[in-house]
PDB file of N, CA and C in Angstrom:
ATOM      1  N   MET A   1     -36.065   2.746 -23.743  1.00  0.00           N
ATOM      2  CA  MET A   1     -37.315   2.103 -23.824  1.00  0.00           C
ATOM      3  C   MET A   1     -37.714   4.039 -24.114  1.00  0.00           C
ATOM      4  N   ALA A   2     -37.592   4.286 -24.562  1.00  0.00           N
ATOM      5  CA  ALA A   2     -39.158   5.382 -25.160  1.00  0.00           C
ATOM      6  C   ALA A   2     -39.785   5.987 -24.225  1.00  0.00           C
ATOM      7  N   GLN A   3     -40.528   6.893 -23.905  1.00  0.00           N
ATOM      8  CA  GLN A   3     -41.476   7.501 -23.051  1.00  0.00           C
ATOM      9  C   GLN A   3     -42.064   9.082 -23.586  1.00  0.00           C
ATOM     10  N   TYR A   4     -43.286   8.978 -23.430  1.00  0.00           N
ATOM     11  CA  TYR A   4     -43.852   9.741 -22.918  1.00  0.00           C
ATOM     12  C   TYR A   4     -44.961   9.381 -22.244  1.00  0.00           C
ATOM     13  N   THR A   5     -46.194  10.866 -21.942  1.00  0.00           N
ATOM     14  CA  THR A   5     -47.380  10.729 -21.440  1.00  0.00           C
ATOM     15  C   THR A   5     -48.571  11.254 -21.499  1.00  0.00           C
ATOM     16  N   GLN A   6     -49.751  10.620 -21.869  1.00  0.00           N
ATOM     17  CA  GLN A   6     -50.939  10.697 -22.222  1.00  0.00           C
ATOM     18  C   GLN A   6     -51.786  10.563 -21.715  1.00  0.00           C
ATOM     19  N   ILE A   7     -53.178  10.619 -21.681  1.00  0.00           N
ATOM     20  CA  ILE A   7     -54.527  10.782 -20.984  1.00  0.00           C
ATOM     21  C   ILE A   7     -54.873   9.297 -21.128  1.00  0.00           C
ATOM     22  N   CYS A   8     -55.404   8.958 -19.321  1.00  0.00           N
ATOM     23  CA  CYS A   8     -55.587   7.702 -19.153  1.00  0.00           C
ATOM     24  C   CYS A   8     -57.554   7.751 -19.437  1.00  0.00           C
ATOM     25  N   SER A   9     -56.815   6.456 -21.233  1.00  0.00           N
ATOM     26  CA  SER A   9     -58.542   6.612 -21.170  1.00  0.00           C
ATOM     27  C   SER A   9     -59.880   6.319 -20.252  1.00  0.00           C
ATOM     28  N   SER A  10     -58.907   6.002 -19.485  1.00  0.00           N
ATOM     29  CA  SER A  10     -60.235   4.853 -18.612  1.00  0.00           C
ATOM     30  C   SER A  10     -60.850   6.032 -17.416  1.00  0.00           C
ATOM     31  N   CYS A  11     -59.726   6.866 -16.590  1.00  0.00           N
ATOM     32  CA  CYS A  11     -59.838   8.504 -15.595  1.00  0.00           C
ATOM     33  C   CYS A  11     -60.135   9.727 -16.278  1.00  0.00           C
ATOM     34  N   GLY A  12     -58.616   9.751 -17.337  1.00  0.00           N
ATOM     35  CA  GLY A  12     -58.574  11.231 -17.619  1.00  0.00           C
ATOM     36  C   GLY A  12     -57.164  11.926 -16.989  1.00  0.00           C
ATOM     37  N   ALA A  13     -56.511  10.651 -15.969  1.00  0.00           N
ATOM     38  CA  ALA A  13     -55.179  11.332 -15.011  1.00  0.00           C
ATOM     39  C   ALA A  13     -54.331  10.799 -16.399  1.00  0.00           C
ATOM     40  N   THR A  14     -53.172  11.591 -16.140  1.00  0.00           N
ATOM     41  CA  THR A  14     -51.788  11.578 -17.017  1.00  0.00           C
ATOM     42  C   THR A  14     -50.973  10.162 -16.901  1.00  0.00           C
ATOM     43  N   GLU A  15     -50.643   9.388 -17.573  1.00  0.00           N
ATOM     44  CA  GLU A  15     -50.305   8.283 -17.310  1.00  0.00           C
ATOM     45  C   GLU A  15     -49.344   7.539 -18.430  1.00  0.00           C
ATOM     46  N   ILE A  16     -48.085   7.063 -18.189  1.00  0.00           N
ATOM     47  CA  ILE A  16     -47.143   6.783 -18.845  1.00  0.00           C
ATOM     48  C   ILE A  16     -46.942   5.818 -20.000  1.00  0.00           C
ATOM     49  N   VAL A  17     -45.919   6.121 -20.679  1.00  0.00           N
ATOM     50  CA  VAL A  17     -46.527   5.499 -22.129  1.00  0.00           C
ATOM     51  C   VAL A  17     -44.618   5.538 -22.296  1.00  0.00           C
ATOM     52  N   ASN A  18     -45.100   3.752 -22.591  1.00  0.00           N
ATOM     53  CA  ASN A  18     -43.198   3.171 -22.438  1.00  0.00           C
ATOM     54  C   ASN A  18     -43.064   2.534 -23.956  1.00  0.00           C
ATOM     55  N   TYR A  19     -41.541   2.847 -24.806  1.00  0.00           N
ATOM     56  CA  TYR A  19     -42.154   1.381 -26.105  1.00  0.00           C
ATOM     57  C   TYR A  19     -41.003   1.385 -26.451  1.00  0.00           C
ATOM     58  N   ARG A  20     -41.172   0.539 -27.038  1.00  0.00           N
ATOM     59  CA  ARG A  20     -39.450   0.545 -27.916  1.00  0.00           C
ATOM     60  C   ARG A  20     -39.329   0.287 -29.826  1.00  0.00           C
ATOM     61  N   GLN A  21     -38.370  -0.356 -29.761  1.00  0.00           N
ATOM     62  CA  GLN A  21     -37.678  -1.101 -31.704  1.00  0.00           C
ATOM     63  C   GLN A  21     -37.547  -2.321 -31.220  1.00  0.00           C
ATOM     64  N   HIS A  22     -37.783  -3.992 -31.952  1.00  0.00           N
ATOM     65  CA  HIS A  22     -36.174  -4.469 -31.809  1.00  0.00           C
ATOM     66  C   HIS A  22     -36.222  -5.791 -33.257  1.00  0.00           C
ATOM     67  N   LEU A  23     -35.011  -5.973 -33.104  1.00  0.00           N
ATOM     68  CA  LEU A  23     -35.521  -7.247 -34.664  1.00  0.00           C
ATOM     69  C   LEU A  23     -35.368  -8.803 -34.019  1.00  0.00           C
ATOM     70  N   ILE A  24     -36.725  -9.356 -34.384  1.00  0.00           N
ATOM     71  CA  ILE A  24     -36.769 -10.545 -34.571  1.00  0.00           C
ATOM     72  C   ILE A  24     -36.698 -11.520 -35.492  1.00  0.00           C
ATOM     73  N   LYS A  25     -35.535 -12.160 -35.709  1.00  0.00           N
ATOM     74  CA  LYS A  25     -35.010 -12.360 -37.138  1.00  0.00           C
ATOM     75  C   LYS A  25     -35.042 -12.430 -38.553  1.00  0.00           C
ATOM     76  N   GLY A  26     -34.476 -10.445 -38.352  1.00  0.00           N
ATOM     77  CA  GLY A  26     -34.964  -9.931 -39.014  1.00  0.00           C
ATOM     78  C   GLY A  26     -35.584  -9.226 -39.682  1.00  0.00           C
ATOM     79  N   GLU A  27     -36.937  -9.267 -39.365  1.00  0.00           N
ATOM     80  CA  GLU A  27     -37.781  -8.614 -39.111  1.00  0.00           C
ATOM     81  C   GLU A  27     -37.788  -7.439 -38.229  1.00  0.00           C
ATOM     82  N   LEU A  28     -38.666  -6.218 -38.750  1.00  0.00           N
ATOM     83  CA  LEU A  28     -38.449  -5.190 -37.426  1.00  0.00           C
ATOM     84  C   LEU A  28     -40.301  -4.842 -36.879  1.00  0.00           C
ATOM     85  N   TYR A  29     -39.792  -4.812 -35.385  1.00  0.00           N
ATOM     86  CA  TYR A  29     -41.241  -4.703 -34.376  1.00  0.00           C
ATOM     87  C   TYR A  29     -41.131  -3.759 -34.151  1.00  0.00           C
ATOM     88  N   TRP A  30     -42.733  -3.475 -33.019  1.00  0.00           N
ATOM     89  CA  TRP A  30     -42.574  -2.159 -31.856  1.00  0.00           C
ATOM     90  C   TRP A  30     -43.043  -2.334 -31.053  1.00  0.00           C
ATOM     91  N   SER A  31     -43.219  -2.074 -29.516  1.00  0.00           N
ATOM     92  CA  SER A  31     -43.938  -2.508 -28.470  1.00  0.00           C
ATOM     93  C   SER A  31     -43.701  -2.102 -28.006  1.00  0.00           C
ATOM     94  N   GLY A  32     -45.351  -1.441 -27.012  1.00  0.00           N
ATOM     95  CA  GLY A  32     -45.037  -0.921 -25.249  1.00  0.00           C
ATOM     96  C   GLY A  32     -46.745  -0.809 -24.614  1.00  0.00           C
ATOM     97  N   TYR A  33     -46.277  -0.107 -23.740  1.00  0.00           N
ATOM     98  CA  TYR A  33     -47.470  -0.160 -22.438  1.00  0.00           C
ATOM     99  C   TYR A  33     -47.664   0.884 -22.174  1.00  0.00           C
ATOM    100  N   ALA A  34     -48.784   1.178 -21.534  1.00  0.00           N
ATOM    101  CA  ALA A  34     -49.438   2.403 -21.440  1.00  0.00           C
ATOM    102  C   ALA A  34     -49.839   2.317 -19.573  1.00  0.00           C
ATOM    103  N   ASN A  35     -49.453   2.296 -18.250  1.00  0.00           N
ATOM    104  CA  ASN A  35     -49.437   2.424 -17.114  1.00  0.00           C
ATOM    105  C   ASN A  35     -49.964   4.363 -16.494  1.00  0.00           C
ATOM    106  N   CYS A  36     -50.860   3.750 -15.720  1.00  0.00           N
ATOM    107  CA  CYS A  36     -51.798   5.114 -15.028  1.00  0.00           C
ATOM    108  C   CYS A  36     -52.292   4.491 -13.326  1.00  0.00           C
ATOM    109  N   LYS A  37     -50.986   4.811 -13.031  1.00  0.00           N
ATOM    110  CA  LYS A  37     -50.993   5.032 -11.693  1.00  0.00           C
ATOM    111  C   LYS A  37     -51.928   5.576 -10.467  1.00  0.00           C
ATOM    112  N   SER A  38     -53.471   7.025 -11.233  1.00  0.00           N
ATOM    113  CA  SER A  38     -54.151   6.721 -10.830  1.00  0.00           C
ATOM    114  C   SER A  38     -55.046   5.471 -10.586  1.00  0.00           C
ATOM    115  N   CYS A  39     -55.199   4.773 -11.636  1.00  0.00           N
ATOM    116  CA  CYS A  39     -56.468   3.527 -11.238  1.00  0.00           C
ATOM    117  C   CYS A  39     -55.724   2.656 -12.130  1.00  0.00           C
ATOM    118  N   GLY A  40     -54.437   2.142 -12.349  1.00  0.00           N
ATOM    119  CA  GLY A  40     -54.305   1.524 -12.431  1.00  0.00           C
ATOM    120  C   GLY A  40     -54.536   0.477 -14.123  1.00  0.00           C
ATOM    121  N   SER A  41     -55.359   0.719 -14.748  1.00  0.00           N
ATOM    122  CA  SER A  41     -55.481   0.512 -16.285  1.00  0.00           C
ATOM    123  C   SER A  41     -54.314   1.281 -16.448  1.00  0.00           C
ATOM    124  N   THR A  42     -53.970  -0.797 -17.204  1.00  0.00           N
ATOM    125  CA  THR A  42     -52.664  -0.897 -18.224  1.00  0.00           C
ATOM    126  C   THR A  42     -53.111  -1.446 -19.695  1.00  0.00           C
ATOM    127  N   ILE A  43     -52.647  -0.917 -20.806  1.00  0.00           N
ATOM    128  CA  ILE A  43     -52.670  -1.001 -22.373  1.00  0.00           C
ATOM    129  C   ILE A  43     -51.380  -1.571 -23.030  1.00  0.00           C
ATOM    130  N   GLU A  44     -51.344  -2.515 -23.897  1.00  0.00           N
ATOM    131  CA  GLU A  44     -50.250  -3.186 -23.894  1.00  0.00           C
ATOM    132  C   GLU A  44     -50.246  -3.125 -25.772  1.00  0.00           C
ATOM    133  N   PHE A  45     -49.177  -2.951 -26.521  1.00  0.00           N
ATOM    134  CA  PHE A  45     -49.511  -2.589 -27.686  1.00  0.00           C
ATOM    135  C   PHE A  45     -48.689  -3.225 -29.060  1.00  0.00           C
ATOM    136  N   ASP A  46     -48.562  -3.723 -29.638  1.00  0.00           N
ATOM    137  CA  ASP A  46     -47.222  -3.619 -30.263  1.00  0.00           C
ATOM    138  C   ASP A  46     -47.848  -3.929 -32.088  1.00  0.00           C
ATOM    139  N   GLY A  47     -46.461  -4.060 -33.068  1.00  0.00           N
ATOM    140  CA  GLY A  47     -47.134  -4.038 -34.307  1.00  0.00           C
ATOM    141  C   GLY A  47     -46.013  -4.457 -35.177  1.00  0.00           C
ATOM    142  N   GLN A  48     -45.742  -4.606 -36.371  1.00  0.00           N
ATOM    143  CA  GLN A  48     -44.296  -4.674 -37.365  1.00  0.00           C
ATOM    144  C   GLN A  48     -44.267  -3.983 -38.257  1.00  0.00           C
ATOM    145  N   GLY A  49     -42.842  -3.791 -38.201  1.00  0.00           N
ATOM    146  CA  GLY A  49     -42.782  -2.422 -39.051  1.00  0.00           C
ATOM    147  C   GLY A  49     -42.222  -1.172 -38.999  1.00  0.00           C
ATOM    148  N   ASP A  50     -42.328   0.013 -39.668  1.00  0.00           N
ATOM    149  CA  ASP A  50     -41.545   0.422 -39.003  1.00  0.00           C
ATOM    150  C   ASP A  50     -42.125   1.801 -37.656  1.00  0.00           C
ATOM    151  N   LEU A  51     -42.236   2.611 -36.378  1.00  0.00           N
ATOM    152  CA  LEU A  51     -42.675   2.474 -36.049  1.00  0.00           C
ATOM    153  C   LEU A  51     -44.084   3.450 -36.630  1.00  0.00           C
ATOM    154  N   PRO A  52     -44.312   4.133 -35.457  1.00  0.00           N
ATOM    155  CA  PRO A  52     -45.681   4.865 -35.836  1.00  0.00           C
ATOM    156  C   PRO A  52     -45.862   6.299 -36.016  1.00  0.00           C
ATOM    157  N   GLU A  53     -45.966   7.090 -36.473  1.00  0.00           N
ATOM    158  CA  GLU A  53     -45.017   8.498 -36.894  1.00  0.00           C
ATOM    159  C   GLU A  53     -45.179   9.215 -35.395  1.00  0.00           C
ATOM    160  N   GLU A  54     -46.348   9.227 -34.842  1.00  0.00           N
ATOM    161  CA  GLU A  54     -46.495   9.228 -33.624  1.00  0.00           C
ATOM    162  C   GLU A  54     -45.430   9.235 -32.208  1.00  0.00           C
ATOM    163  N   LEU A  55     -44.957   8.335 -32.601  1.00  0.00           N
ATOM    164  CA  LEU A  55     -44.251   7.381 -31.758  1.00  0.00           C
ATOM    165  C   LEU A  55     -42.012   7.877 -32.105  1.00  0.00           C
ATOM    166  N   LYS A  56     -42.193   8.130 -33.096  1.00  0.00           N
ATOM    167  CA  LYS A  56     -40.846   8.359 -33.068  1.00  0.00           C
ATOM    168  C   LYS A  56     -40.304   9.307 -32.650  1.00  0.00           C
ATOM    169  N   PRO A  57     -40.594  10.165 -32.593  1.00  0.00           N
ATOM    170  CA  PRO A  57     -39.857  11.826 -32.115  1.00  0.00           C
ATOM    171  C   PRO A  57     -39.090  11.127 -30.182  1.00  0.00           C
ATOM    172  N   ALA A  58     -39.550  10.604 -29.544  1.00  0.00           N
ATOM    173  CA  ALA A  58     -39.391   9.944 -28.006  1.00  0.00           C
ATOM    174  C   ALA A  58     -38.092   8.877 -28.680  1.00  0.00           C
ATOM    175  N   ILE A  59     -38.491   8.085 -29.972  1.00  0.00           N
ATOM    176  CA  ILE A  59     -36.817   7.012 -29.798  1.00  0.00           C
ATOM    177  C   ILE A  59     -35.963   8.258 -30.572  1.00  0.00           C
ATOM    178  N   LEU A  60     -36.353   8.945 -30.914  1.00  0.00           N
ATOM    179  CA  LEU A  60     -34.683   9.818 -31.760  1.00  0.00           C
ATOM    180  C   LEU A  60     -34.271  10.138 -30.586  1.00  0.00           C
ATOM    181  N   LEU A  61     -34.903  10.783 -29.161  1.00  0.00           N
ATOM    182  CA  LEU A  61     -34.556  11.955 -28.958  1.00  0.00           C
ATOM    183  C   LEU A  61     -33.602  11.550 -27.593  1.00  0.00           C
ATOM    184  N   GLU A  62     -33.973   9.698 -27.193  1.00  0.00           N
ATOM    185  CA  GLU A  62     -33.463   8.699 -26.666  1.00  0.00           C
ATOM    186  C   GLU A  62     -32.208   8.671 -27.630  1.00  0.00           C
ATOM    187  N   GLU A  63     -32.253   8.311 -28.401  1.00  0.00           N
ATOM    188  CA  GLU A  63     -31.274   7.916 -29.051  1.00  0.00           C
ATOM    189  C   GLU A  63     -30.499   8.551 -29.654  1.00  0.00           C
ATOM    190  N   GLY A  64     -30.984   9.514 -30.775  1.00  0.00           N
ATOM    191  CA  GLY A  64     -30.653  10.694 -31.353  1.00  0.00           C
ATOM    192  C   GLY A  64     -30.800   9.557 -33.096  1.00  0.00           C
ATOM    193  N   GLU A  65     -30.806  10.606 -33.892  1.00  0.00           N
ATOM    194  CA  GLU A  65     -31.698  10.423 -35.583  1.00  0.00           C
ATOM    195  C   GLU A  65     -29.654   9.247 -36.227  1.00  0.00           C
ATOM    196  N   TRP A  66     -30.091   8.466 -36.886  1.00  0.00           N
ATOM    197  CA  TRP A  66     -29.075   7.160 -37.140  1.00  0.00           C
ATOM    198  C   TRP A  66     -29.702   8.499 -38.789  1.00  0.00           C
ATOM    199  N   GLN A  67     -27.774   7.371 -39.544  1.00  0.00           N
ATOM    200  CA  GLN A  67     -28.307   7.832 -40.903  1.00  0.00           C
ATOM    201  C   GLN A  67     -27.068   6.495 -41.681  1.00  0.00           C
ATOM    202  N   LEU A  68     -27.803   6.490 -43.156  1.00  0.00           N
ATOM    203  CA  LEU A  68     -27.007   5.524 -43.738  1.00  0.00           C
ATOM    204  C   LEU A  68     -26.287   5.589 -44.676  1.00  0.00           C
ATOM    205  N   VAL A  69     -25.158   4.884 -44.745  1.00  0.00           N
ATOM    206  CA  VAL A  69     -23.914   5.923 -45.307  1.00  0.00           C
ATOM    207  C   VAL A  69     -23.933   4.579 -46.441  1.00  0.00           C
ATOM    208  N   LEU A  70     -22.703   4.839 -46.967  1.00  0.00           N
ATOM    209  CA  LEU A  70     -22.693   3.666 -48.148  1.00  0.00           C
ATOM    210  C   LEU A  70     -21.739   3.606 -48.342  1.00  0.00           C
ATOM    211  N   ASP A  71     -20.416   2.869 -48.502  1.00  0.00           N
ATOM    212  CA  ASP A  71     -19.172   2.922 -47.917  1.00  0.00           C
ATOM    213  C   ASP A  71     -18.769   2.829 -49.791  1.00  0.00           C
ATOM    214  N   ASP A  72     -19.206   2.142 -50.591  1.00  0.00           N
ATOM    215  CA  ASP A  72     -19.400   1.313 -52.248  1.00  0.00           C
ATOM    216  C   ASP A  72     -20.502   1.458 -53.034  1.00  0.00           C
ATOM    217  N   GLN A  73     -20.041   2.084 -53.890  1.00  0.00           N
ATOM    218  CA  GLN A  73     -20.999   2.775 -54.467  1.00  0.00           C
ATOM    219  C   GLN A  73     -21.783   1.419 -55.390  1.00  0.00           C
ATOM    220  N   ASN A  74     -21.164   0.260 -54.922  1.00  0.00           N
ATOM    221  CA  ASN A  74     -20.808  -1.423 -55.266  1.00  0.00           C
ATOM    222  C   ASN A  74     -23.017  -2.199 -54.871  1.00  0.00           C
ATOM    223  N   ASP A  75     -22.761  -0.954 -53.672  1.00  0.00           N
ATOM    224  CA  ASP A  75     -23.666  -1.252 -52.811  1.00  0.00           C
ATOM    225  C   ASP A  75     -24.921  -0.866 -53.132  1.00  0.00           C
ATOM    226  N   VAL A  76     -25.361   0.556 -53.714  1.00  0.00           N
ATOM    227  CA  VAL A  76     -26.488   1.310 -54.093  1.00  0.00           C
ATOM    228  C   VAL A  76     -28.069   0.415 -54.555  1.00  0.00           C
ATOM    229  N   VAL A  77     -27.571  -0.814 -55.871  1.00  0.00           N
ATOM    230  CA  VAL A  77     -28.498  -0.694 -56.419  1.00  0.00           C
ATOM    231  C   VAL A  77     -29.280  -2.035 -55.577  1.00  0.00           C
ATOM    232  N   PRO A  78     -27.836  -2.715 -54.503  1.00  0.00           N
ATOM    233  CA  PRO A  78     -28.496  -3.903 -53.403  1.00  0.00           C
ATOM    234  C   PRO A  78     -29.296  -2.961 -52.590  1.00  0.00           C
ATOM    235  N   ALA A  79     -28.954  -1.834 -52.254  1.00  0.00           N
ATOM    236  CA  ALA A  79     -29.832  -0.867 -50.908  1.00  0.00           C
ATOM    237  C   ALA A  79     -31.132  -0.617 -51.271  1.00  0.00           C
ATOM    238  N   LEU A  80     -30.712   0.061 -52.947  1.00  0.00           N
ATOM    239  CA  LEU A  80     -32.180   0.239 -53.077  1.00  0.00           C
ATOM    240  C   LEU A  80     -33.333  -1.421 -53.538  1.00  0.00           C
ATOM    241  N   ARG A  81     -32.761  -2.494 -54.013  1.00  0.00           N
ATOM    242  CA  ARG A  81     -33.724  -3.441 -53.710  1.00  0.00           C
ATOM    243  C   ARG A  81     -33.920  -3.826 -52.247  1.00  0.00           C
ATOM    244  N   VAL A  82     -33.349  -4.066 -51.733  1.00  0.00           N
ATOM    245  CA  VAL A  82     -33.891  -3.597 -49.892  1.00  0.00           C
ATOM    246  C   VAL A  82     -34.565  -2.647 -49.638  1.00  0.00           C
ATOM    247  N   LEU A  83     -34.482  -1.457 -49.821  1.00  0.00           N
ATOM    248  CA  LEU A  83     -35.366  -0.566 -49.326  1.00  0.00           C
ATOM    249  C   LEU A  83     -36.947  -0.663 -49.798  1.00  0.00           C
ATOM    250  N   ARG A  84     -36.839  -1.277 -51.428  1.00  0.00           N
ATOM    251  CA  ARG A  84     -38.272  -1.089 -51.810  1.00  0.00           C
ATOM    252  C   ARG A  84     -38.265  -1.973 -51.339  1.00  0.00           C
ATOM    253  N   LYS A  85     -38.184  -3.539 -51.267  1.00  0.00           N
ATOM    254  CA  LYS A  85     -39.053  -4.659 -50.480  1.00  0.00           C
ATOM    255  C   LYS A  85     -38.691  -4.372 -48.854  1.00  0.00           C
ATOM    256  N   ARG A  86     -38.389  -3.212 -48.212  1.00  0.00           N
ATOM    257  CA  ARG A  86     -38.617  -3.099 -46.328  1.00  0.00           C
ATOM    258  C   ARG A  86     -39.759  -2.513 -46.091  1.00  0.00           C
ATOM    259  N   ARG A  87     -39.880  -1.476 -47.035  1.00  0.00           N
ATOM    260  CA  ARG A  87     -40.179   0.160 -46.572  1.00  0.00           C
ATOM    261  C   ARG A  87     -41.569  -0.414 -47.759  1.00  0.00           C
ATOM    262  N   GLN A  88     -41.581  -1.447 -48.646  1.00  0.00           N
ATOM    263  CA  GLN A  88     -43.126  -1.123 -49.793  1.00  0.00           C
ATOM    264  C   GLN A  88     -42.931   0.238 -50.594  1.00  0.00           C
ATOM    265  N   ILE A  89     -42.049   0.090 -51.214  1.00  0.00           N
ATOM    266  CA  ILE A  89     -41.928   1.796 -52.079  1.00  0.00           C
ATOM    267  C   ILE A  89     -41.387   1.843 -53.683  1.00  0.00           C
ATOM    268  N   SER A  90     -42.019   2.795 -54.796  1.00  0.00           N
ATOM    269  CA  SER A  90     -41.496   2.519 -55.594  1.00  0.00           C
ATOM    270  C   SER A  90     -39.879   2.327 -55.597  1.00  0.00           C
ATOM    271  N   LEU A  91     -39.938   1.856 -57.041  1.00  0.00           N
ATOM    272  CA  LEU A  91     -37.938   2.655 -57.604  1.00  0.00           C
ATOM    273  C   LEU A  91     -37.619   3.754 -57.400  1.00  0.00           C
ATOM    274  N   GLN A  92     -38.901   5.118 -57.808  1.00  0.00           N
ATOM    275  CA  GLN A  92     -38.596   6.636 -57.725  1.00  0.00           C
ATOM    276  C   GLN A  92     -38.522   6.859 -56.350  1.00  0.00           C
ATOM    277  N   ASP A  93     -39.135   6.260 -55.264  1.00  0.00           N
ATOM    278  CA  ASP A  93     -39.301   6.651 -53.600  1.00  0.00           C
ATOM    279  C   ASP A  93     -37.838   5.818 -52.980  1.00  0.00           C
ATOM    280  N   ALA A  94     -37.383   4.986 -53.263  1.00  0.00           N
ATOM    281  CA  ALA A  94     -36.534   4.303 -52.668  1.00  0.00           C
ATOM    282  C   ALA A  94     -35.338   5.615 -53.086  1.00  0.00           C
ATOM    283  N   LYS A  95     -35.005   5.157 -54.901  1.00  0.00           N
ATOM    284  CA  LYS A  95     -33.860   6.300 -54.564  1.00  0.00           C
ATOM    285  C   LYS A  95     -33.482   7.384 -53.770  1.00  0.00           C
ATOM    286  N   ALA A  96     -34.877   8.608 -53.966  1.00  0.00           N
ATOM    287  CA  ALA A  96     -34.850   9.068 -53.273  1.00  0.00           C
ATOM    288  C   ALA A  96     -34.882   9.235 -52.362  1.00  0.00           C
ATOM    289  N   LEU A  97     -35.331   8.569 -51.015  1.00  0.00           N
ATOM    290  CA  LEU A  97     -34.559   8.400 -49.861  1.00  0.00           C
ATOM    291  C   LEU A  97     -33.497   8.015 -49.748  1.00  0.00           C
ATOM    292  N   LEU A  98     -32.812   7.177 -50.581  1.00  0.00           N
ATOM    293  CA  LEU A  98     -31.732   6.189 -50.287  1.00  0.00           C
ATOM    294  C   LEU A  98     -30.537   7.073 -50.224  1.00  0.00           C
ATOM    295  N   ASN A  99     -30.985   8.979 -50.803  1.00  0.00           N
ATOM    296  CA  ASN A  99     -30.609   9.565 -50.920  1.00  0.00           C
ATOM    297  C   ASN A  99     -29.159  11.214 -49.321  1.00  0.00           C
ATOM    298  N   ASP A 100     -30.558   9.750 -48.072  1.00  0.00           N
ATOM    299  CA  ASP A 100     -31.054  10.692 -47.303  1.00  0.00           C
ATOM    300  C   ASP A 100     -30.899  10.032 -46.336  1.00  0.00           C
ATOM    301  N   LEU A 101     -30.722   8.706 -45.338  1.00  0.00           N
ATOM    302  CA  LEU A 101     -31.792   7.966 -45.368  1.00  0.00           C
ATOM    303  C   LEU A 101     -31.790   7.775 -44.026  1.00  0.00           C
ATOM    304  N   ARG A 102     -32.535   8.563 -43.278  1.00  0.00           N
ATOM    305  CA  ARG A 102     -32.428   8.805 -41.761  1.00  0.00           C
ATOM    306  C   ARG A 102     -33.215   7.625 -40.394  1.00  0.00           C
ATOM    307  N   GLY A 103     -33.251   7.808 -39.932  1.00  0.00           N
ATOM    308  CA  GLY A 103     -34.373   7.235 -38.883  1.00  0.00           C
ATOM    309  C   GLY A 103     -33.675   6.216 -37.410  1.00  0.00           C
ATOM    310  N   THR A 104     -34.301   5.809 -36.315  1.00  0.00           N
ATOM    311  CA  THR A 104     -33.934   5.122 -35.752  1.00  0.00           C
ATOM    312  C   THR A 104     -32.596   4.343 -35.360  1.00  0.00           C
ATOM    313  N   LYS A 105     -32.235   3.869 -34.900  1.00  0.00           N
ATOM    314  CA  LYS A 105     -30.910   3.133 -34.780  1.00  0.00           C
ATOM    315  C   LYS A 105     -31.281   1.674 -35.359  1.00  0.00           C
ATOM    316  N   THR A 106     -33.404   1.393 -34.499  1.00  0.00           N
ATOM    317  CA  THR A 106     -32.946  -0.040 -35.000  1.00  0.00           C
ATOM    318  C   THR A 106     -33.732   0.028 -36.155  1.00  0.00           C
ATOM    319  N   THR A 107     -34.309   1.378 -36.825  1.00  0.00           N
ATOM    320  CA  THR A 107     -35.044   0.638 -37.923  1.00  0.00           C
ATOM    321  C   THR A 107     -33.893   1.414 -39.183  1.00  0.00           C
ATOM    322  N   LEU A 108     -33.028   1.476 -38.808  1.00  0.00           N
ATOM    323  CA  LEU A 108     -31.180   0.988 -39.800  1.00  0.00           C
ATOM    324  C   LEU A 108     -30.752   0.257 -39.827  1.00  0.00           C
ATOM    325  N   ALA A 109     -30.963  -0.358 -38.564  1.00  0.00           N
ATOM    326  CA  ALA A 109     -30.576  -1.882 -38.301  1.00  0.00           C
ATOM    327  C   ALA A 109     -31.348  -2.864 -39.073  1.00  0.00           C
ATOM    328  N   TRP A 110     -31.935  -2.565 -39.464  1.00  0.00           N
ATOM    329  CA  TRP A 110     -32.912  -3.666 -40.188  1.00  0.00           C
ATOM    330  C   TRP A 110     -32.254  -3.195 -41.219  1.00  0.00           C
ATOM    331  N   ILE A 111     -32.805  -2.083 -41.600  1.00  0.00           N
ATOM    332  CA  ILE A 111     -31.673  -2.274 -43.846  1.00  0.00           C
ATOM    333  C   ILE A 111     -30.329  -2.438 -43.574  1.00  0.00           C
ATOM    334  N   GLN A 112     -29.554  -2.338 -42.369  1.00  0.00           N
ATOM    335  CA  GLN A 112     -29.028  -3.103 -43.079  1.00  0.00           C
ATOM    336  C   GLN A 112     -28.431  -4.716 -43.008  1.00  0.00           C
ATOM    337  N   ASP A 113     -28.925  -4.669 -42.094  1.00  0.00           N
ATOM    338  CA  ASP A 113     -29.620  -6.374 -41.819  1.00  0.00           C
ATOM    339  C   ASP A 113     -30.345  -7.286 -43.387  1.00  0.00           C
ATOM    340  N   GLY A 114     -31.176  -6.225 -43.815  1.00  0.00           N
ATOM    341  CA  GLY A 114     -30.972  -6.665 -45.716  1.00  0.00           C
ATOM    342  C   GLY A 114     -30.412  -6.723 -46.485  1.00  0.00           C
ATOM    343  N   LEU A 115     -28.931  -5.443 -46.746  1.00  0.00           N
ATOM    344  CA  LEU A 115     -27.926  -5.638 -47.053  1.00  0.00           C
ATOM    345  C   LEU A 115     -26.918  -6.588 -46.472  1.00  0.00           C
ATOM    346  N   ARG A 116     -27.052  -6.777 -45.587  1.00  0.00           N
ATOM    347  CA  ARG A 116     -26.217  -8.132 -44.963  1.00  0.00           C
ATOM    348  C   ARG A 116     -26.444  -9.476 -46.089  1.00  0.00           C
ATOM    349  N   GLN A 117     -27.461  -9.520 -46.077  1.00  0.00           N
ATOM    350  CA  GLN A 117     -28.516 -10.673 -46.874  1.00  0.00           C
ATOM    351  C   GLN A 117     -28.493 -10.788 -47.838  1.00  0.00           C
ATOM    352  N   VAL A 118     -28.788  -9.311 -48.156  1.00  0.00           N
ATOM    353  CA  VAL A 118     -28.411  -9.610 -50.101  1.00  0.00           C
ATOM    354  C   VAL A 118     -26.310  -9.882 -50.333  1.00  0.00           C
ATOM    355  N   ASN A 119     -25.717  -9.429 -49.544  1.00  0.00           N
ATOM    356  CA  ASN A 119     -24.329  -9.793 -50.774  1.00  0.00           C
ATOM    357  C   ASN A 119     -23.722 -10.742 -48.874  1.00  0.00           C
ATOM    358  N   THR A 120     -24.045 -11.667 -49.431  1.00  0.00           N
ATOM    359  CA  THR A 120     -24.505 -12.996 -48.300  1.00  0.00           C
ATOM    360  C   THR A 120     -24.186 -14.180 -49.489  1.00  0.00           C
TER     361      THR A 120
END
């Protein structure tokens, strides 16, 4: 679970925010909570799809950056389909992204899961 600190919106003290990504039935989700030790305020948050940009650095720091590598050129077309569908991007953007697709371990597992579904 990744962490960062922020200012508590209730009392102004520093609070710790914990969050993570996870796959549930082939879908990518993220969730977390902030807990202020000073005032006891707790906030929970979650979402579906890729992490918001402000949450990525701590996860990348914790687990490293992962990269998708295709072993077989026959996987390029299915990979482009998966990227277009999962990232909701154009074919041109998918081609550019496929050349250097990097991200969190869970995000790449989500893309890999999509490839497995296409290839079965």
